[in-house]
Every structure is written in C-alpha cells, then in structure tokens.
Amino acid sequence: MTERAFFNESQTTKATTLNCPFCRTADSYPLRWMVRKKKDRPPQGADEEAKARFRKAQSYMVLLDEKVACKNLRCRKRFDVSGIKTMAFLYSYEGLPKED
C-alpha cells in the first residue's frame, strides 16, 4: 500500500518575503505548496503493517516552487528559493490538553 493512500492532497499558495540576490530587493512572493492531510481512518484492505504505518503518518506540506522571478522591474532575474524549509509538518491541536 502506498503512502498516498493515507493522505488527501491539495495545493495552496502562501506569501513569503524573499531577497533577490542580484539587486538585493526584498519583496513578497507567492509560493506554491502541496498540502497532504492525513485521512481520519486507514484505507480499506490495509494489512497490519499498513495500519502501523498509518498510525505513525503525520500531515505535512511540501514546497513546489524552486525558483521565482524578481519583482523589481529593472532586475527581473530568476533566483532560487533559499532559506525556506522545503517541508513543514502540520500539527493538529485537538488532542492536546487546554491551557488555562
């Protein structure tokens, strides 16, 4: 059973401030992320090994964009997205005790 059977996939866009390494201009750039949210129950027909992998699985996001174009009209060069983690785990706070 593949890992994709454990998740619902969708894409989202989040704005991030990046600095162009050529003209040193800071600006906000929309970056595309693949969001994989864990399903509420394991897929049908899963054996014990797949159920154990499902229990350990966590929701996460993966960065899809590798390069962006500078927004400065005089520069407009493409540069690598760096300084940003390419994967981020999503935590649900439903099972955690409430703080007073």
N, C-alpha and C. Protein backbone atom coordinates (compact mmCIF):
# COMPACT_ATOMS: atom_id res chain seq x y z
N MET A 1 0.84 -1.17 0.00
CA MET A 1 0.00 0.00 0.00
C MET A 1 0.89 1.24 0.00
N THR A 2 0.60 2.19 -0.87
CA THR A 2 1.43 3.38 -1.00
C THR A 2 1.07 4.43 0.06
N GLU A 3 2.00 5.32 0.27
CA GLU A 3 1.80 6.40 1.26
C GLU A 3 0.68 7.34 0.84
N ARG A 4 0.48 7.51 -0.46
CA ARG A 4 -0.56 8.43 -0.95
C ARG A 4 -1.96 8.01 -0.53
N ALA A 5 -2.16 6.73 -0.26
CA ALA A 5 -3.47 6.25 0.17
C ALA A 5 -3.83 6.75 1.57
N PHE A 6 -2.86 7.23 2.33
CA PHE A 6 -3.09 7.71 3.69
C PHE A 6 -3.47 9.19 3.74
N PHE A 7 -3.33 9.94 2.64
CA PHE A 7 -3.47 11.39 2.66
C PHE A 7 -4.46 11.90 1.62
N ASN A 8 -5.05 13.06 1.92
CA ASN A 8 -5.81 13.86 0.96
C ASN A 8 -4.87 14.97 0.50
N GLU A 9 -4.70 15.15 -0.81
CA GLU A 9 -3.77 16.14 -1.33
C GLU A 9 -4.51 17.36 -1.87
N SER A 10 -3.92 18.53 -1.65
CA SER A 10 -4.42 19.77 -2.22
C SER A 10 -3.24 20.73 -2.37
N GLN A 11 -3.43 21.78 -3.15
CA GLN A 11 -2.38 22.79 -3.30
C GLN A 11 -2.85 24.10 -2.69
N THR A 12 -1.90 24.84 -2.13
CA THR A 12 -2.19 26.15 -1.57
C THR A 12 -1.04 27.09 -1.90
N THR A 13 -1.30 28.37 -1.78
CA THR A 13 -0.29 29.39 -2.03
C THR A 13 -0.12 30.23 -0.76
N LYS A 14 1.12 30.42 -0.36
CA LYS A 14 1.43 31.24 0.82
C LYS A 14 2.47 32.28 0.42
N ALA A 15 2.27 33.51 0.86
CA ALA A 15 3.20 34.59 0.55
C ALA A 15 4.38 34.56 1.52
N THR A 16 5.57 34.77 0.98
CA THR A 16 6.79 34.76 1.78
C THR A 16 7.69 35.90 1.32
N THR A 17 8.36 36.56 2.25
CA THR A 17 9.29 37.63 1.91
C THR A 17 10.65 37.03 1.57
N LEU A 18 11.13 37.34 0.36
CA LEU A 18 12.43 36.86 -0.10
C LEU A 18 13.27 38.04 -0.57
N ASN A 19 14.60 37.88 -0.52
CA ASN A 19 15.53 38.89 -1.00
C ASN A 19 16.16 38.42 -2.31
N CYS A 20 16.12 39.27 -3.33
CA CYS A 20 16.76 38.94 -4.60
C CYS A 20 18.28 39.04 -4.40
N PRO A 21 19.04 38.00 -4.75
CA PRO A 21 20.48 38.05 -4.55
C PRO A 21 21.20 38.97 -5.54
N PHE A 22 20.54 39.36 -6.61
CA PHE A 22 21.17 40.20 -7.63
C PHE A 22 21.01 41.69 -7.33
N CYS A 23 19.77 42.13 -7.06
CA CYS A 23 19.54 43.56 -6.80
C CYS A 23 19.31 43.85 -5.32
N ARG A 24 19.26 42.81 -4.48
CA ARG A 24 19.09 42.91 -3.04
C ARG A 24 17.76 43.56 -2.61
N THR A 25 16.74 43.43 -3.45
CA THR A 25 15.43 43.96 -3.15
C THR A 25 14.61 42.91 -2.41
N ALA A 26 13.98 43.30 -1.31
CA ALA A 26 13.11 42.40 -0.56
C ALA A 26 11.67 42.62 -1.00
N ASP A 27 10.95 41.53 -1.25
CA ASP A 27 9.57 41.63 -1.67
C ASP A 27 8.83 40.36 -1.28
N SER A 28 7.52 40.41 -1.34
CA SER A 28 6.69 39.27 -1.01
C SER A 28 6.41 38.46 -2.28
N TYR A 29 6.64 37.14 -2.20
CA TYR A 29 6.45 36.26 -3.34
C TYR A 29 5.49 35.14 -2.96
N PRO A 30 4.52 34.85 -3.82
CA PRO A 30 3.63 33.71 -3.54
C PRO A 30 4.32 32.40 -3.89
N LEU A 31 4.37 31.47 -2.95
CA LEU A 31 4.98 30.17 -3.18
C LEU A 31 3.91 29.09 -3.12
N ARG A 32 3.98 28.12 -4.02
CA ARG A 32 3.02 27.02 -4.08
C ARG A 32 3.47 25.88 -3.18
N TRP A 33 2.54 25.34 -2.40
CA TRP A 33 2.79 24.23 -1.50
C TRP A 33 1.80 23.11 -1.78
N MET A 34 2.26 21.86 -1.71
CA MET A 34 1.38 20.69 -1.76
C MET A 34 1.07 20.31 -0.32
N VAL A 35 -0.21 20.32 0.05
CA VAL A 35 -0.63 20.01 1.40
C VAL A 35 -1.16 18.58 1.41
N ARG A 36 -0.60 17.75 2.27
CA ARG A 36 -1.06 16.37 2.43
C ARG A 36 -1.58 16.21 3.85
N LYS A 37 -2.92 16.12 3.96
CA LYS A 37 -3.57 15.96 5.26
C LYS A 37 -3.93 14.50 5.46
N LYS A 38 -3.60 14.00 6.63
CA LYS A 38 -3.85 12.60 6.96
C LYS A 38 -5.34 12.33 7.02
N LYS A 39 -5.78 11.21 6.42
CA LYS A 39 -7.18 10.82 6.46
C LYS A 39 -7.54 10.40 7.88
N ASP A 40 -8.83 10.38 8.18
CA ASP A 40 -9.25 10.06 9.54
C ASP A 40 -9.21 8.57 9.86
N ARG A 41 -9.16 7.70 8.85
CA ARG A 41 -9.03 6.26 9.09
C ARG A 41 -8.21 5.62 7.99
N PRO A 42 -7.60 4.47 8.29
CA PRO A 42 -6.77 3.82 7.26
C PRO A 42 -7.63 3.33 6.09
N PRO A 43 -7.02 3.18 4.91
CA PRO A 43 -7.76 2.72 3.75
C PRO A 43 -8.27 1.28 3.93
N GLN A 44 -9.34 0.97 3.24
CA GLN A 44 -9.89 -0.39 3.34
C GLN A 44 -8.91 -1.39 2.72
N GLY A 45 -8.86 -2.56 3.28
CA GLY A 45 -7.97 -3.59 2.78
C GLY A 45 -6.54 -3.47 3.27
N ALA A 46 -6.29 -2.59 4.24
CA ALA A 46 -4.94 -2.41 4.76
C ALA A 46 -4.59 -3.55 5.71
N ASP A 47 -3.37 -4.09 5.57
CA ASP A 47 -2.93 -5.14 6.48
C ASP A 47 -2.35 -4.49 7.75
N GLU A 48 -1.86 -5.30 8.67
CA GLU A 48 -1.36 -4.79 9.95
C GLU A 48 -0.16 -3.86 9.76
N GLU A 49 0.71 -4.18 8.82
CA GLU A 49 1.87 -3.33 8.57
C GLU A 49 1.45 -1.95 8.06
N ALA A 50 0.48 -1.91 7.15
CA ALA A 50 -0.02 -0.64 6.62
C ALA A 50 -0.73 0.15 7.71
N LYS A 51 -1.47 -0.51 8.58
CA LYS A 51 -2.15 0.19 9.68
C LYS A 51 -1.14 0.79 10.64
N ALA A 52 -0.03 0.10 10.89
CA ALA A 52 1.02 0.63 11.77
C ALA A 52 1.66 1.86 11.12
N ARG A 53 1.91 1.82 9.81
CA ARG A 53 2.47 2.99 9.10
C ARG A 53 1.49 4.14 9.12
N PHE A 54 0.19 3.84 9.02
CA PHE A 54 -0.84 4.89 9.05
C PHE A 54 -0.86 5.60 10.40
N ARG A 55 -0.72 4.85 11.49
CA ARG A 55 -0.72 5.46 12.83
C ARG A 55 0.46 6.43 13.00
N LYS A 56 1.60 6.14 12.37
CA LYS A 56 2.78 6.99 12.50
C LYS A 56 2.76 8.18 11.54
N ALA A 57 1.92 8.13 10.51
CA ALA A 57 1.89 9.19 9.50
C ALA A 57 1.40 10.50 10.10
N GLN A 58 1.94 11.63 9.58
CA GLN A 58 1.54 12.97 10.02
C GLN A 58 1.21 13.81 8.80
N SER A 59 0.34 14.80 8.98
CA SER A 59 0.04 15.74 7.91
C SER A 59 1.25 16.64 7.68
N TYR A 60 1.49 17.01 6.41
CA TYR A 60 2.65 17.85 6.11
C TYR A 60 2.45 18.64 4.82
N MET A 61 3.33 19.60 4.58
CA MET A 61 3.33 20.42 3.36
C MET A 61 4.69 20.30 2.69
N VAL A 62 4.70 20.29 1.35
CA VAL A 62 5.93 20.21 0.58
C VAL A 62 5.97 21.41 -0.36
N LEU A 63 7.10 22.11 -0.40
CA LEU A 63 7.27 23.27 -1.28
C LEU A 63 7.42 22.80 -2.72
N LEU A 64 6.62 23.39 -3.64
CA LEU A 64 6.66 23.00 -5.05
C LEU A 64 7.55 23.93 -5.89
N ASP A 65 7.61 25.20 -5.54
CA ASP A 65 8.40 26.17 -6.32
C ASP A 65 9.87 26.11 -5.95
N GLU A 66 10.72 26.11 -6.96
CA GLU A 66 12.17 26.13 -6.74
C GLU A 66 12.77 27.49 -7.08
N LYS A 67 12.17 28.19 -8.03
CA LYS A 67 12.69 29.50 -8.46
C LYS A 67 11.54 30.48 -8.57
N VAL A 68 11.87 31.76 -8.37
CA VAL A 68 10.91 32.85 -8.57
C VAL A 68 11.61 33.96 -9.35
N ALA A 69 10.82 34.79 -10.01
CA ALA A 69 11.37 35.93 -10.75
C ALA A 69 11.29 37.17 -9.88
N CYS A 70 12.36 37.96 -9.88
CA CYS A 70 12.42 39.19 -9.09
C CYS A 70 11.32 40.14 -9.54
N LYS A 71 10.69 40.82 -8.59
CA LYS A 71 9.61 41.74 -8.91
C LYS A 71 10.11 43.14 -9.27
N ASN A 72 11.40 43.40 -9.05
CA ASN A 72 11.98 44.68 -9.42
C ASN A 72 12.01 44.77 -10.95
N LEU A 73 11.39 45.78 -11.52
CA LEU A 73 11.29 45.89 -12.98
C LEU A 73 12.64 46.03 -13.66
N ARG A 74 13.62 46.54 -12.98
CA ARG A 74 14.95 46.69 -13.58
C ARG A 74 15.75 45.39 -13.53
N CYS A 75 15.39 44.49 -12.65
CA CYS A 75 16.14 43.25 -12.47
C CYS A 75 15.47 42.09 -13.20
N ARG A 76 14.31 41.65 -12.72
CA ARG A 76 13.50 40.57 -13.30
C ARG A 76 14.23 39.24 -13.47
N LYS A 77 15.35 39.05 -12.78
CA LYS A 77 16.09 37.78 -12.89
C LYS A 77 15.44 36.71 -12.02
N ARG A 78 15.57 35.47 -12.46
CA ARG A 78 15.06 34.34 -11.69
C ARG A 78 16.13 33.91 -10.69
N PHE A 79 15.68 33.60 -9.47
CA PHE A 79 16.62 33.15 -8.46
C PHE A 79 16.01 32.00 -7.67
N ASP A 80 16.88 31.20 -7.05
CA ASP A 80 16.45 30.04 -6.27
C ASP A 80 15.79 30.49 -4.97
N VAL A 81 14.77 29.76 -4.58
CA VAL A 81 14.14 29.98 -3.29
C VAL A 81 15.04 29.32 -2.25
N SER A 82 15.65 30.10 -1.39
CA SER A 82 16.54 29.54 -0.38
C SER A 82 16.21 30.16 0.97
N GLY A 83 16.62 29.48 2.00
CA GLY A 83 16.36 29.97 3.35
C GLY A 83 14.99 29.58 3.86
N ILE A 84 14.27 28.75 3.09
CA ILE A 84 12.94 28.30 3.49
C ILE A 84 12.97 26.79 3.53
N LYS A 85 12.40 26.23 4.56
CA LYS A 85 12.33 24.77 4.63
C LYS A 85 11.42 24.28 3.51
N THR A 86 11.80 23.18 2.89
CA THR A 86 11.03 22.65 1.77
C THR A 86 9.91 21.73 2.23
N MET A 87 9.89 21.40 3.52
CA MET A 87 8.83 20.56 4.06
C MET A 87 8.48 21.05 5.45
N ALA A 88 7.17 21.06 5.76
CA ALA A 88 6.72 21.51 7.07
C ALA A 88 5.62 20.58 7.56
N PHE A 89 5.71 20.13 8.80
CA PHE A 89 4.68 19.27 9.37
C PHE A 89 3.54 20.12 9.89
N LEU A 90 2.32 19.62 9.72
CA LEU A 90 1.13 20.29 10.23
C LEU A 90 0.67 19.53 11.46
N TYR A 91 0.52 20.23 12.56
CA TYR A 91 0.10 19.59 13.80
C TYR A 91 -1.34 19.96 14.09
N SER A 92 -2.11 18.99 14.53
CA SER A 92 -3.47 19.30 14.97
C SER A 92 -3.44 19.40 16.49
N TYR A 93 -4.10 20.37 17.02
CA TYR A 93 -4.09 20.62 18.46
C TYR A 93 -5.34 20.07 19.14
N GLU A 94 -6.08 19.19 18.45
CA GLU A 94 -7.32 18.68 19.01
C GLU A 94 -7.09 17.78 20.22
N GLY A 95 -6.03 16.96 20.21
CA GLY A 95 -5.81 16.01 21.28
C GLY A 95 -4.98 16.56 22.43
N LEU A 96 -4.50 17.78 22.32
CA LEU A 96 -3.66 18.37 23.37
C LEU A 96 -4.52 18.94 24.50
N PRO A 97 -4.04 18.89 25.75
CA PRO A 97 -4.80 19.49 26.84
C PRO A 97 -4.84 21.00 26.71
N LYS A 98 -5.94 21.60 27.12
CA LYS A 98 -6.12 23.04 27.02
C LYS A 98 -5.35 23.73 28.14
N GLU A 99 -4.75 24.87 27.80
CA GLU A 99 -4.04 25.67 28.80
C GLU A 99 -5.00 26.67 29.42
N ASP A 100 -4.79 26.96 30.70
CA ASP A 100 -5.66 27.93 31.41
C ASP A 100 -5.14 29.33 31.25
